[in-house]
Each structure stands twice: as structure tokens, then as C-alpha cells.
């Protein structure tokens, strides 16, 4: 039992360590207890959604409190150009993998 708890804790830590998290209050008196992200997106507590074309998840907690989880901020390797995401339509966090174009450097071994 302790091993399962340890394993679950490690998975939770891994998910948090490799993601970017933001929070906010998105309450609206027209929708008591719900999270109102926009006129077209109203979530009930416990509900989560990944918006089409975004690599992030929106989770509604109690009283309009929202947690946004997105990809971890990564530095572009030196000399490389960011080309976008490899799998932009995949579910989070699989959509976070990035594409780079990096120059190849010729080495002279003589």
C-alpha cells in the first residue's frame, strides 16, 4: 500500500514539475458556483477542459476558482529556431513537445 502511495506521489510531482500552472477566480453571479471562462465556456466544479488548439487544461474547482495547467516554459537551444509544437492537436501534456530547427556544424578533424 505504501508503495502505491509513493508511486502516486511521484507521478503527481512529475506532472507538476514539468508543467506551468496559473490560477484565478472566474466567478459570475449568473452561474453560481461555476467557473465562467467566457460566454461560451462555463464549467462545473470538478470539470476540466482542453480548448481546441491550445496545449493546456482548464480545471474548475469551487466557487469559480480555476487552475490552468500548460506546458513548462523551456529555453530554446542556442542557435536554434522554434518551429512550433510537434503534436499541437494532441491532448495535454502530449501536445507540449516542441520542434526546433538547429544548424548543423561541420567539424574538421584534420
PDB file of N, CA and C in Angstrom:
ATOM      1  N   UNK A   1       0.822  -1.193   0.000  1.00  0.00           N
ATOM      2  CA  UNK A   1       0.000   0.000   0.000  1.00  0.00           C
ATOM      3  C   UNK A   1       0.868   1.259   0.000  1.00  0.00           C
ATOM      4  N   UNK A   2       1.940   1.252   0.807  1.00  0.00           N
ATOM      5  CA  UNK A   2       2.820   2.420   0.874  1.00  0.00           C
ATOM      6  C   UNK A   2       3.519   2.656  -0.463  1.00  0.00           C
ATOM      7  N   UNK A   3       3.839   1.568  -1.154  1.00  0.00           N
ATOM      8  CA  UNK A   3       4.493   1.705  -2.453  1.00  0.00           C
ATOM      9  C   UNK A   3       3.570   2.401  -3.452  1.00  0.00           C
ATOM     10  N   UNK A   4       2.293   2.034  -3.447  1.00  0.00           N
ATOM     11  CA  UNK A   4       1.330   2.661  -4.356  1.00  0.00           C
ATOM     12  C   UNK A   4       1.195   4.148  -4.055  1.00  0.00           C
ATOM     13  N   UNK A   5       1.178   4.500  -2.783  1.00  0.00           N
ATOM     14  CA  UNK A   5       1.081   5.905  -2.396  1.00  0.00           C
ATOM     15  C   UNK A   5       2.328   6.666  -2.838  1.00  0.00           C
ATOM     16  N   UNK A   6       3.493   6.068  -2.656  1.00  0.00           N
ATOM     17  CA  UNK A   6       4.741   6.689  -3.090  1.00  0.00           C
ATOM     18  C   UNK A   6       4.747   6.879  -4.609  1.00  0.00           C
ATOM     19  N   UNK A   7       4.320   5.868  -5.331  1.00  0.00           N
ATOM     20  CA  UNK A   7       4.275   5.940  -6.787  1.00  0.00           C
ATOM     21  C   UNK A   7       3.300   7.024  -7.252  1.00  0.00           C
ATOM     22  N   UNK A   8       2.147   7.104  -6.634  1.00  0.00           N
ATOM     23  CA  UNK A   8       1.164   8.136  -6.972  1.00  0.00           C
ATOM     24  C   UNK A   8       1.718   9.525  -6.685  1.00  0.00           C
ATOM     25  N   UNK A   9       2.414   9.680  -5.570  1.00  0.00           N
ATOM     26  CA  UNK A   9       3.024  10.964  -5.214  1.00  0.00           C
ATOM     27  C   UNK A   9       4.084  11.357  -6.241  1.00  0.00           C
ATOM     28  N   UNK A  10       4.893  10.403  -6.669  1.00  0.00           N
ATOM     29  CA  UNK A  10       5.919  10.689  -7.680  1.00  0.00           C
ATOM     30  C   UNK A  10       5.301  11.106  -9.010  1.00  0.00           C
ATOM     31  N   UNK A  11       4.234  10.434  -9.427  1.00  0.00           N
ATOM     32  CA  UNK A  11       3.558  10.811 -10.670  1.00  0.00           C
ATOM     33  C   UNK A  11       2.970  12.211 -10.566  1.00  0.00           C
ATOM     34  N   UNK A  12       2.378  12.536  -9.435  1.00  0.00           N
ATOM     35  CA  UNK A  12       1.804  13.870  -9.235  1.00  0.00           C
ATOM     36  C   UNK A  12       2.906  14.921  -9.260  1.00  0.00           C
ATOM     37  N   UNK A  13       4.027  14.650  -8.602  1.00  0.00           N
ATOM     38  CA  UNK A  13       5.147  15.594  -8.604  1.00  0.00           C
ATOM     39  C   UNK A  13       5.666  15.802 -10.014  1.00  0.00           C
ATOM     40  N   UNK A  14       5.801  14.705 -10.775  1.00  0.00           N
ATOM     41  CA  UNK A  14       6.300  14.786 -12.145  1.00  0.00           C
ATOM     42  C   UNK A  14       5.389  15.663 -12.997  1.00  0.00           C
ATOM     43  N   UNK A  15       4.082  15.484 -12.863  1.00  0.00           N
ATOM     44  CA  UNK A  15       3.130  16.277 -13.652  1.00  0.00           C
ATOM     45  C   UNK A  15       3.233  17.760 -13.314  1.00  0.00           C
ATOM     46  N   UNK A  16       3.406  18.085 -12.041  1.00  0.00           N
ATOM     47  CA  UNK A  16       3.506  19.484 -11.626  1.00  0.00           C
ATOM     48  C   UNK A  16       4.864  20.066 -11.994  1.00  0.00           C
ATOM     49  N   UNK A  17       5.915  19.286 -11.829  1.00  0.00           N
ATOM     50  CA  UNK A  17       7.269  19.782 -12.081  1.00  0.00           C
ATOM     51  C   UNK A  17       7.490  20.127 -13.546  1.00  0.00           C
ATOM     52  N   UNK A  18       6.803  19.446 -14.427  1.00  0.00           N
ATOM     53  CA  UNK A  18       7.018  19.662 -15.849  1.00  0.00           C
ATOM     54  C   UNK A  18       5.837  20.355 -16.517  1.00  0.00           C
ATOM     55  N   UNK A  19       5.173  21.224 -15.771  1.00  0.00           N
ATOM     56  CA  UNK A  19       4.079  21.994 -16.344  1.00  0.00           C
ATOM     57  C   UNK A  19       4.070  23.391 -15.753  1.00  0.00           C
ATOM     58  N   UNK A  20       3.354  24.268 -16.416  1.00  0.00           N
ATOM     59  CA  UNK A  20       3.206  25.642 -15.970  1.00  0.00           C
ATOM     60  C   UNK A  20       1.789  25.787 -15.426  1.00  0.00           C
ATOM     61  N   UNK A  21       1.658  26.369 -14.242  1.00  0.00           N
ATOM     62  CA  UNK A  21       0.351  26.453 -13.591  1.00  0.00           C
ATOM     63  C   UNK A  21       0.017  27.903 -13.269  1.00  0.00           C
ATOM     64  N   UNK A  22      -1.228  28.277 -13.544  1.00  0.00           N
ATOM     65  CA  UNK A  22      -1.749  29.593 -13.175  1.00  0.00           C
ATOM     66  C   UNK A  22      -3.135  29.388 -12.570  1.00  0.00           C
ATOM     67  N   UNK A  23      -3.544  30.302 -11.711  1.00  0.00           N
ATOM     68  CA  UNK A  23      -4.857  30.198 -11.079  1.00  0.00           C
ATOM     69  C   UNK A  23      -5.595  31.525 -11.188  1.00  0.00           C
ATOM     70  N   UNK A  24      -6.874  31.481 -10.948  1.00  0.00           N
ATOM     71  CA  UNK A  24      -7.664  32.702 -10.964  1.00  0.00           C
ATOM     72  C   UNK A  24      -9.092  32.434 -10.534  1.00  0.00           C
ATOM     73  N   UNK A  25      -9.816  33.501 -10.258  1.00  0.00           N
ATOM     74  CA  UNK A  25     -11.230  33.404  -9.909  1.00  0.00           C
ATOM     75  C   UNK A  25     -12.037  33.828 -11.135  1.00  0.00           C
ATOM     76  N   UNK A  26     -12.878  32.948 -11.608  1.00  0.00           N
ATOM     77  CA  UNK A  26     -13.722  33.204 -12.771  1.00  0.00           C
ATOM     78  C   UNK A  26     -15.179  32.981 -12.386  1.00  0.00           C
ATOM     79  N   UNK A  27     -15.626  33.681 -11.356  1.00  0.00           N
ATOM     80  CA  UNK A  27     -16.997  33.562 -10.865  1.00  0.00           C
ATOM     81  C   UNK A  27     -17.890  34.571 -11.582  1.00  0.00           C
ATOM     82  N   UNK A  28     -19.148  34.205 -11.727  1.00  0.00           N
ATOM     83  CA  UNK A  28     -20.137  35.094 -12.332  1.00  0.00           C
ATOM     84  C   UNK A  28     -21.462  34.844 -11.611  1.00  0.00           C
ATOM     85  N   UNK A  29     -22.100  35.888 -11.084  1.00  0.00           N
ATOM     86  CA  UNK A  29     -23.347  35.692 -10.337  1.00  0.00           C
ATOM     87  C   UNK A  29     -24.463  35.052 -11.168  1.00  0.00           C
ATOM     88  N   UNK A  30     -24.364  35.118 -12.482  1.00  0.00           N
ATOM     89  CA  UNK A  30     -25.369  34.463 -13.330  1.00  0.00           C
ATOM     90  C   UNK A  30     -25.256  32.939 -13.275  1.00  0.00           C
ATOM     91  N   UNK A  31     -24.064  32.431 -12.873  1.00  0.00           N
ATOM     92  CA  UNK A  31     -23.808  30.991 -12.806  1.00  0.00           C
ATOM     93  C   UNK A  31     -23.202  30.669 -11.442  1.00  0.00           C
ATOM     94  N   UNK A  32     -24.001  30.671 -10.374  1.00  0.00           N
ATOM     95  CA  UNK A  32     -23.466  30.463  -9.020  1.00  0.00           C
ATOM     96  C   UNK A  32     -22.684  29.148  -8.884  1.00  0.00           C
ATOM     97  N   UNK A  33     -21.487  29.252  -8.288  1.00  0.00           N
ATOM     98  CA  UNK A  33     -20.659  28.081  -8.016  1.00  0.00           C
ATOM     99  C   UNK A  33     -19.895  27.549  -9.208  1.00  0.00           C
ATOM    100  N   UNK A  34     -20.135  28.093 -10.385  1.00  0.00           N
ATOM    101  CA  UNK A  34     -19.465  27.594 -11.588  1.00  0.00           C
ATOM    102  C   UNK A  34     -18.317  28.509 -11.985  1.00  0.00           C
ATOM    103  N   UNK A  35     -17.508  28.039 -12.916  1.00  0.00           N
ATOM    104  CA  UNK A  35     -16.377  28.805 -13.446  1.00  0.00           C
ATOM    105  C   UNK A  35     -16.758  29.306 -14.834  1.00  0.00           C
ATOM    106  N   UNK A  36     -16.781  30.617 -14.994  1.00  0.00           N
ATOM    107  CA  UNK A  36     -17.176  31.216 -16.267  1.00  0.00           C
ATOM    108  C   UNK A  36     -15.920  31.760 -16.944  1.00  0.00           C
ATOM    109  N   UNK A  37     -15.378  30.967 -17.850  1.00  0.00           N
ATOM    110  CA  UNK A  37     -14.164  31.340 -18.561  1.00  0.00           C
ATOM    111  C   UNK A  37     -14.504  32.366 -19.642  1.00  0.00           C
ATOM    112  N   UNK A  38     -15.591  32.133 -20.345  1.00  0.00           N
ATOM    113  CA  UNK A  38     -16.089  33.055 -21.370  1.00  0.00           C
ATOM    114  C   UNK A  38     -17.586  32.801 -21.510  1.00  0.00           C
ATOM    115  N   UNK A  39     -18.246  33.559 -22.366  1.00  0.00           N
ATOM    116  CA  UNK A  39     -19.675  33.332 -22.594  1.00  0.00           C
ATOM    117  C   UNK A  39     -19.940  31.939 -23.154  1.00  0.00           C
ATOM    118  N   UNK A  40     -18.962  31.382 -23.843  1.00  0.00           N
ATOM    119  CA  UNK A  40     -19.118  30.067 -24.463  1.00  0.00           C
ATOM    120  C   UNK A  40     -18.534  28.926 -23.643  1.00  0.00           C
ATOM    121  N   UNK A  41     -17.894  29.232 -22.527  1.00  0.00           N
ATOM    122  CA  UNK A  41     -17.257  28.182 -21.730  1.00  0.00           C
ATOM    123  C   UNK A  41     -17.557  28.375 -20.249  1.00  0.00           C
ATOM    124  N   UNK A  42     -18.507  27.578 -19.759  1.00  0.00           N
ATOM    125  CA  UNK A  42     -18.898  27.587 -18.351  1.00  0.00           C
ATOM    126  C   UNK A  42     -18.695  26.168 -17.829  1.00  0.00           C
ATOM    127  N   UNK A  43     -17.866  26.028 -16.791  1.00  0.00           N
ATOM    128  CA  UNK A  43     -17.536  24.712 -16.247  1.00  0.00           C
ATOM    129  C   UNK A  43     -18.110  24.543 -14.851  1.00  0.00           C
ATOM    130  N   UNK A  44     -18.515  23.327 -14.541  1.00  0.00           N
ATOM    131  CA  UNK A  44     -18.977  22.984 -13.198  1.00  0.00           C
ATOM    132  C   UNK A  44     -17.773  22.559 -12.363  1.00  0.00           C
ATOM    133  N   UNK A  45     -17.847  22.681 -11.036  1.00  0.00           N
ATOM    134  CA  UNK A  45     -16.739  22.231 -10.187  1.00  0.00           C
ATOM    135  C   UNK A  45     -16.372  20.772 -10.482  1.00  0.00           C
ATOM    136  N   UNK A  46     -15.070  20.524 -10.619  1.00  0.00           N
ATOM    137  CA  UNK A  46     -14.573  19.189 -10.935  1.00  0.00           C
ATOM    138  C   UNK A  46     -14.423  18.935 -12.428  1.00  0.00           C
ATOM    139  N   UNK A  47     -15.023  19.781 -13.239  1.00  0.00           N
ATOM    140  CA  UNK A  47     -14.950  19.615 -14.688  1.00  0.00           C
ATOM    141  C   UNK A  47     -13.662  20.244 -15.216  1.00  0.00           C
ATOM    142  N   UNK A  48     -13.071  19.591 -16.221  1.00  0.00           N
ATOM    143  CA  UNK A  48     -11.891  20.166 -16.858  1.00  0.00           C
ATOM    144  C   UNK A  48     -12.026  20.067 -18.359  1.00  0.00           C
ATOM    145  N   UNK A  49     -11.335  20.954 -19.048  1.00  0.00           N
ATOM    146  CA  UNK A  49     -11.472  21.047 -20.493  1.00  0.00           C
ATOM    147  C   UNK A  49     -10.166  21.488 -21.114  1.00  0.00           C
ATOM    148  N   UNK A  50      -9.864  20.917 -22.246  1.00  0.00           N
ATOM    149  CA  UNK A  50      -8.744  21.397 -23.060  1.00  0.00           C
ATOM    150  C   UNK A  50      -9.364  22.087 -24.261  1.00  0.00           C
ATOM    151  N   UNK A  51      -9.099  23.367 -24.390  1.00  0.00           N
ATOM    152  CA  UNK A  51      -9.638  24.120 -25.513  1.00  0.00           C
ATOM    153  C   UNK A  51      -8.953  23.693 -26.804  1.00  0.00           C
ATOM    154  N   UNK A  52      -9.708  23.579 -27.867  1.00  0.00           N
ATOM    155  CA  UNK A  52      -9.178  23.188 -29.162  1.00  0.00           C
ATOM    156  C   UNK A  52      -8.083  24.157 -29.595  1.00  0.00           C
ATOM    157  N   UNK A  53      -6.950  23.615 -29.990  1.00  0.00           N
ATOM    158  CA  UNK A  53      -5.850  24.447 -30.460  1.00  0.00           C
ATOM    159  C   UNK A  53      -4.956  24.989 -29.364  1.00  0.00           C
ATOM    160  N   UNK A  54      -5.236  24.635 -28.121  1.00  0.00           N
ATOM    161  CA  UNK A  54      -4.361  25.064 -27.029  1.00  0.00           C
ATOM    162  C   UNK A  54      -3.754  23.840 -26.375  1.00  0.00           C
ATOM    163  N   UNK A  55      -2.583  24.001 -25.877  1.00  0.00           N
ATOM    164  CA  UNK A  55      -1.934  22.901 -25.170  1.00  0.00           C
ATOM    165  C   UNK A  55      -1.973  23.218 -23.684  1.00  0.00           C
ATOM    166  N   UNK A  56      -3.175  23.231 -23.151  1.00  0.00           N
ATOM    167  CA  UNK A  56      -3.364  23.489 -21.730  1.00  0.00           C
ATOM    168  C   UNK A  56      -4.706  22.917 -21.304  1.00  0.00           C
ATOM    169  N   UNK A  57      -4.848  22.735 -20.005  1.00  0.00           N
ATOM    170  CA  UNK A  57      -6.086  22.216 -19.438  1.00  0.00           C
ATOM    171  C   UNK A  57      -6.619  23.232 -18.443  1.00  0.00           C
ATOM    172  N   UNK A  58      -7.920  23.455 -18.495  1.00  0.00           N
ATOM    173  CA  UNK A  58      -8.603  24.343 -17.559  1.00  0.00           C
ATOM    174  C   UNK A  58      -9.411  23.457 -16.624  1.00  0.00           C
ATOM    175  N   UNK A  59      -9.185  23.596 -15.316  1.00  0.00           N
ATOM    176  CA  UNK A  59      -9.951  22.808 -14.345  1.00  0.00           C
ATOM    177  C   UNK A  59     -10.693  23.749 -13.414  1.00  0.00           C
ATOM    178  N   UNK A  60     -11.993  23.502 -13.270  1.00  0.00           N
ATOM    179  CA  UNK A  60     -12.837  24.299 -12.390  1.00  0.00           C
ATOM    180  C   UNK A  60     -12.884  23.648 -11.013  1.00  0.00           C
ATOM    181  N   UNK A  61     -12.605  24.453  -9.992  1.00  0.00           N
ATOM    182  CA  UNK A  61     -12.736  23.997  -8.614  1.00  0.00           C
ATOM    183  C   UNK A  61     -13.974  24.677  -8.018  1.00  0.00           C
ATOM    184  N   UNK A  62     -14.009  24.906  -6.738  1.00  0.00           N
ATOM    185  CA  UNK A  62     -15.181  25.510  -6.091  1.00  0.00           C
ATOM    186  C   UNK A  62     -15.238  27.017  -6.279  1.00  0.00           C
ATOM    187  N   UNK A  63     -16.450  27.546  -6.327  1.00  0.00           N
ATOM    188  CA  UNK A  63     -16.715  28.989  -6.298  1.00  0.00           C
ATOM    189  C   UNK A  63     -15.986  29.793  -7.367  1.00  0.00           C
ATOM    190  N   UNK A  64     -15.867  29.242  -8.553  1.00  0.00           N
ATOM    191  CA  UNK A  64     -15.244  29.974  -9.647  1.00  0.00           C
ATOM    192  C   UNK A  64     -13.729  29.931  -9.674  1.00  0.00           C
ATOM    193  N   UNK A  65     -13.116  29.190  -8.759  1.00  0.00           N
ATOM    194  CA  UNK A  65     -11.654  29.088  -8.711  1.00  0.00           C
ATOM    195  C   UNK A  65     -11.196  28.147  -9.825  1.00  0.00           C
ATOM    196  N   UNK A  66     -10.264  28.626 -10.660  1.00  0.00           N
ATOM    197  CA  UNK A  66      -9.814  27.878 -11.831  1.00  0.00           C
ATOM    198  C   UNK A  66      -8.309  27.656 -11.769  1.00  0.00           C
ATOM    199  N   UNK A  67      -7.881  26.476 -12.214  1.00  0.00           N
ATOM    200  CA  UNK A  67      -6.463  26.162 -12.355  1.00  0.00           C
ATOM    201  C   UNK A  67      -6.202  25.899 -13.835  1.00  0.00           C
ATOM    202  N   UNK A  68      -5.273  26.662 -14.401  1.00  0.00           N
ATOM    203  CA  UNK A  68      -4.839  26.476 -15.781  1.00  0.00           C
ATOM    204  C   UNK A  68      -3.496  25.755 -15.737  1.00  0.00           C
ATOM    205  N   UNK A  69      -3.392  24.626 -16.422  1.00  0.00           N
ATOM    206  CA  UNK A  69      -2.135  23.886 -16.473  1.00  0.00           C
ATOM    207  C   UNK A  69      -1.689  23.817 -17.926  1.00  0.00           C
ATOM    208  N   UNK A  70      -0.488  24.314 -18.187  1.00  0.00           N
ATOM    209  CA  UNK A  70       0.045  24.327 -19.545  1.00  0.00           C
ATOM    210  C   UNK A  70       1.438  23.744 -19.585  1.00  0.00           C
ATOM    211  N   UNK A  71       2.047  23.849 -20.729  1.00  0.00           N
ATOM    212  CA  UNK A  71       3.399  23.315 -20.921  1.00  0.00           C
ATOM    213  C   UNK A  71       4.415  24.112 -20.116  1.00  0.00           C
ATOM    214  N   UNK A  72       5.437  23.432 -19.686  1.00  0.00           N
ATOM    215  CA  UNK A  72       6.533  24.071 -18.970  1.00  0.00           C
ATOM    216  C   UNK A  72       7.269  25.020 -19.916  1.00  0.00           C
ATOM    217  N   UNK A  73       7.696  26.144 -19.385  1.00  0.00           N
ATOM    218  CA  UNK A  73       8.472  27.098 -20.179  1.00  0.00           C
ATOM    219  C   UNK A  73       9.870  26.512 -20.384  1.00  0.00           C
ATOM    220  N   UNK A  74      10.281  26.421 -21.629  1.00  0.00           N
ATOM    221  CA  UNK A  74      11.589  25.850 -21.944  1.00  0.00           C
ATOM    222  C   UNK A  74      12.409  26.848 -22.747  1.00  0.00           C
ATOM    223  N   UNK A  75      13.687  26.837 -22.514  1.00  0.00           N
ATOM    224  CA  UNK A  75      14.602  27.689 -23.259  1.00  0.00           C
ATOM    225  C   UNK A  75      14.892  27.051 -24.611  1.00  0.00           C
ATOM    226  N   UNK A  76      14.924  27.867 -25.642  1.00  0.00           N
ATOM    227  CA  UNK A  76      15.277  27.368 -26.970  1.00  0.00           C
ATOM    228  C   UNK A  76      16.780  27.121 -26.987  1.00  0.00           C
ATOM    229  N   UNK A  77      17.218  25.954 -27.467  1.00  0.00           N
ATOM    230  CA  UNK A  77      18.655  25.689 -27.519  1.00  0.00           C
ATOM    231  C   UNK A  77      19.389  26.785 -28.301  1.00  0.00           C
ATOM    232  N   UNK A  78      20.588  27.100 -27.875  1.00  0.00           N
ATOM    233  CA  UNK A  78      21.390  28.160 -28.507  1.00  0.00           C
ATOM    234  C   UNK A  78      21.545  27.902 -30.000  1.00  0.00           C
ATOM    235  N   UNK A  79      21.287  28.924 -30.793  1.00  0.00           N
ATOM    236  CA  UNK A  79      21.440  28.832 -32.234  1.00  0.00           C
ATOM    237  C   UNK A  79      20.272  28.182 -32.957  1.00  0.00           C
ATOM    238  N   UNK A  80      19.264  27.750 -32.227  1.00  0.00           N
ATOM    239  CA  UNK A  80      18.129  27.056 -32.831  1.00  0.00           C
ATOM    240  C   UNK A  80      16.929  27.986 -32.982  1.00  0.00           C
ATOM    241  N   UNK A  81      16.008  27.586 -33.845  1.00  0.00           N
ATOM    242  CA  UNK A  81      14.790  28.349 -34.083  1.00  0.00           C
ATOM    243  C   UNK A  81      13.594  27.477 -33.705  1.00  0.00           C
ATOM    244  N   UNK A  82      12.664  28.047 -32.939  1.00  0.00           N
ATOM    245  CA  UNK A  82      11.450  27.342 -32.535  1.00  0.00           C
ATOM    246  C   UNK A  82      10.496  27.280 -33.723  1.00  0.00           C
ATOM    247  N   UNK A  83      10.038  26.067 -34.073  1.00  0.00           N
ATOM    248  CA  UNK A  83       9.162  25.883 -35.229  1.00  0.00           C
ATOM    249  C   UNK A  83       7.715  25.592 -34.852  1.00  0.00           C
ATOM    250  N   UNK A  84       7.435  25.490 -33.577  1.00  0.00           N
ATOM    251  CA  UNK A  84       6.076  25.164 -33.149  1.00  0.00           C
ATOM    252  C   UNK A  84       6.062  23.857 -32.372  1.00  0.00           C
ATOM    253  N   UNK A  85       4.874  23.344 -32.177  1.00  0.00           N
ATOM    254  CA  UNK A  85       4.715  22.103 -31.421  1.00  0.00           C
ATOM    255  C   UNK A  85       4.615  20.917 -32.369  1.00  0.00           C
ATOM    256  N   UNK A  86       5.198  19.779 -31.968  1.00  0.00           N
ATOM    257  CA  UNK A  86       5.195  18.584 -32.815  1.00  0.00           C
ATOM    258  C   UNK A  86       3.791  18.020 -32.990  1.00  0.00           C
ATOM    259  N   UNK A  87       3.005  18.027 -31.913  1.00  0.00           N
ATOM    260  CA  UNK A  87       1.670  17.420 -31.942  1.00  0.00           C
ATOM    261  C   UNK A  87       0.646  18.397 -31.358  1.00  0.00           C
ATOM    262  N   UNK A  88       0.377  19.517 -32.038  1.00  0.00           N
ATOM    263  CA  UNK A  88      -0.463  20.564 -31.457  1.00  0.00           C
ATOM    264  C   UNK A  88      -1.904  20.145 -31.168  1.00  0.00           C
ATOM    265  N   UNK A  89      -2.399  19.118 -31.813  1.00  0.00           N
ATOM    266  CA  UNK A  89      -3.777  18.691 -31.579  1.00  0.00           C
ATOM    267  C   UNK A  89      -3.885  17.538 -30.592  1.00  0.00           C
ATOM    268  N   UNK A  90      -2.759  17.089 -30.056  1.00  0.00           N
ATOM    269  CA  UNK A  90      -2.769  16.007 -29.069  1.00  0.00           C
ATOM    270  C   UNK A  90      -3.320  16.527 -27.743  1.00  0.00           C
ATOM    271  N   UNK A  91      -3.690  15.601 -26.874  1.00  0.00           N
ATOM    272  CA  UNK A  91      -4.169  16.004 -25.555  1.00  0.00           C
ATOM    273  C   UNK A  91      -2.988  16.389 -24.679  1.00  0.00           C
ATOM    274  N   UNK A  92      -3.280  17.191 -23.676  1.00  0.00           N
ATOM    275  CA  UNK A  92      -2.256  17.634 -22.730  1.00  0.00           C
ATOM    276  C   UNK A  92      -1.833  16.454 -21.869  1.00  0.00           C
ATOM    277  N   UNK A  93      -0.575  16.224 -21.615  1.00  0.00           N
ATOM    278  CA  UNK A  93       0.612  17.009 -21.919  1.00  0.00           C
ATOM    279  C   UNK A  93       1.346  16.568 -23.184  1.00  0.00           C
ATOM    280  N   UNK A  94       0.763  15.606 -23.937  1.00  0.00           N
ATOM    281  CA  UNK A  94       1.441  15.115 -25.149  1.00  0.00           C
ATOM    282  C   UNK A  94       1.641  16.209 -26.189  1.00  0.00           C
ATOM    283  N   UNK A  95       0.838  17.261 -26.127  1.00  0.00           N
ATOM    284  CA  UNK A  95       0.939  18.358 -27.094  1.00  0.00           C
ATOM    285  C   UNK A  95       2.106  19.298 -26.806  1.00  0.00           C
ATOM    286  N   UNK A  96       2.807  19.119 -25.701  1.00  0.00           N
ATOM    287  CA  UNK A  96       3.865  20.057 -25.287  1.00  0.00           C
ATOM    288  C   UNK A  96       5.196  19.884 -26.017  1.00  0.00           C
ATOM    289  N   UNK A  97       5.407  18.754 -26.652  1.00  0.00           N
ATOM    290  CA  UNK A  97       6.702  18.515 -27.296  1.00  0.00           C
ATOM    291  C   UNK A  97       6.930  19.524 -28.419  1.00  0.00           C
ATOM    292  N   UNK A  98       8.099  20.164 -28.409  1.00  0.00           N
ATOM    293  CA  UNK A  98       8.387  21.256 -29.343  1.00  0.00           C
ATOM    294  C   UNK A  98       9.290  20.817 -30.491  1.00  0.00           C
ATOM    295  N   UNK A  99       9.168  21.551 -31.621  1.00  0.00           N
ATOM    296  CA  UNK A  99      10.029  21.325 -32.785  1.00  0.00           C
ATOM    297  C   UNK A  99      11.024  22.473 -32.879  1.00  0.00           C
ATOM    298  N   UNK A 100      12.275  22.127 -33.170  1.00  0.00           N
ATOM    299  CA  UNK A 100      13.329  23.120 -33.349  1.00  0.00           C
ATOM    300  C   UNK A 100      14.045  22.864 -34.659  1.00  0.00           C
ATOM    301  N   UNK A 101      14.581  23.919 -35.206  1.00  0.00           N
ATOM    302  CA  UNK A 101      15.486  23.793 -36.342  1.00  0.00           C
ATOM    303  C   UNK A 101      16.828  24.309 -35.859  1.00  0.00           C
ATOM    304  N   UNK A 102      17.795  23.414 -35.831  1.00  0.00           N
ATOM    305  CA  UNK A 102      19.116  23.780 -35.331  1.00  0.00           C
ATOM    306  C   UNK A 102      20.140  23.610 -36.447  1.00  0.00           C
ATOM    307  N   UNK A 103      21.066  24.539 -36.554  1.00  0.00           N
ATOM    308  CA  UNK A 103      22.097  24.413 -37.589  1.00  0.00           C
ATOM    309  C   UNK A 103      23.012  23.230 -37.291  1.00  0.00           C
ATOM    310  N   UNK A 104      23.487  22.623 -38.354  1.00  0.00           N
ATOM    311  CA  UNK A 104      24.473  21.555 -38.170  1.00  0.00           C
ATOM    312  C   UNK A 104      25.839  22.183 -38.367  1.00  0.00           C
ATOM    313  N   UNK A 105      26.706  21.885 -37.480  1.00  0.00           N
ATOM    314  CA  UNK A 105      28.047  22.463 -37.526  1.00  0.00           C
ATOM    315  C   UNK A 105      29.013  21.427 -38.080  1.00  0.00           C
ATOM    316  N   UNK A 106      29.765  21.814 -39.121  1.00  0.00           N
ATOM    317  CA  UNK A 106      30.768  20.920 -39.702  1.00  0.00           C
ATOM    318  C   UNK A 106      32.002  20.946 -38.815  1.00  0.00           C
ATOM    319  N   UNK A 107      32.521  19.791 -38.555  1.00  0.00           N
ATOM    320  CA  UNK A 107      33.742  19.727 -37.748  1.00  0.00           C
ATOM    321  C   UNK A 107      34.888  19.242 -38.617  1.00  0.00           C
ATOM    322  N   UNK A 108      36.012  19.859 -38.456  1.00  0.00           N
ATOM    323  CA  UNK A 108      37.200  19.488 -39.211  1.00  0.00           C
ATOM    324  C   UNK A 108      38.106  18.706 -38.277  1.00  0.00           C
ATOM    325  N   UNK A 109      38.286  17.438 -38.572  1.00  0.00           N
ATOM    326  CA  UNK A 109      39.066  16.576 -37.692  1.00  0.00           C
ATOM    327  C   UNK A 109      40.548  16.554 -38.071  1.00  0.00           C
ATOM    328  N   UNK A 110      40.974  17.306 -39.075  1.00  0.00           N
ATOM    329  CA  UNK A 110      42.379  17.272 -39.501  1.00  0.00           C
ATOM    330  C   UNK A 110      43.261  18.068 -38.591  1.00  0.00           C
TER     331      UNK A 110
END
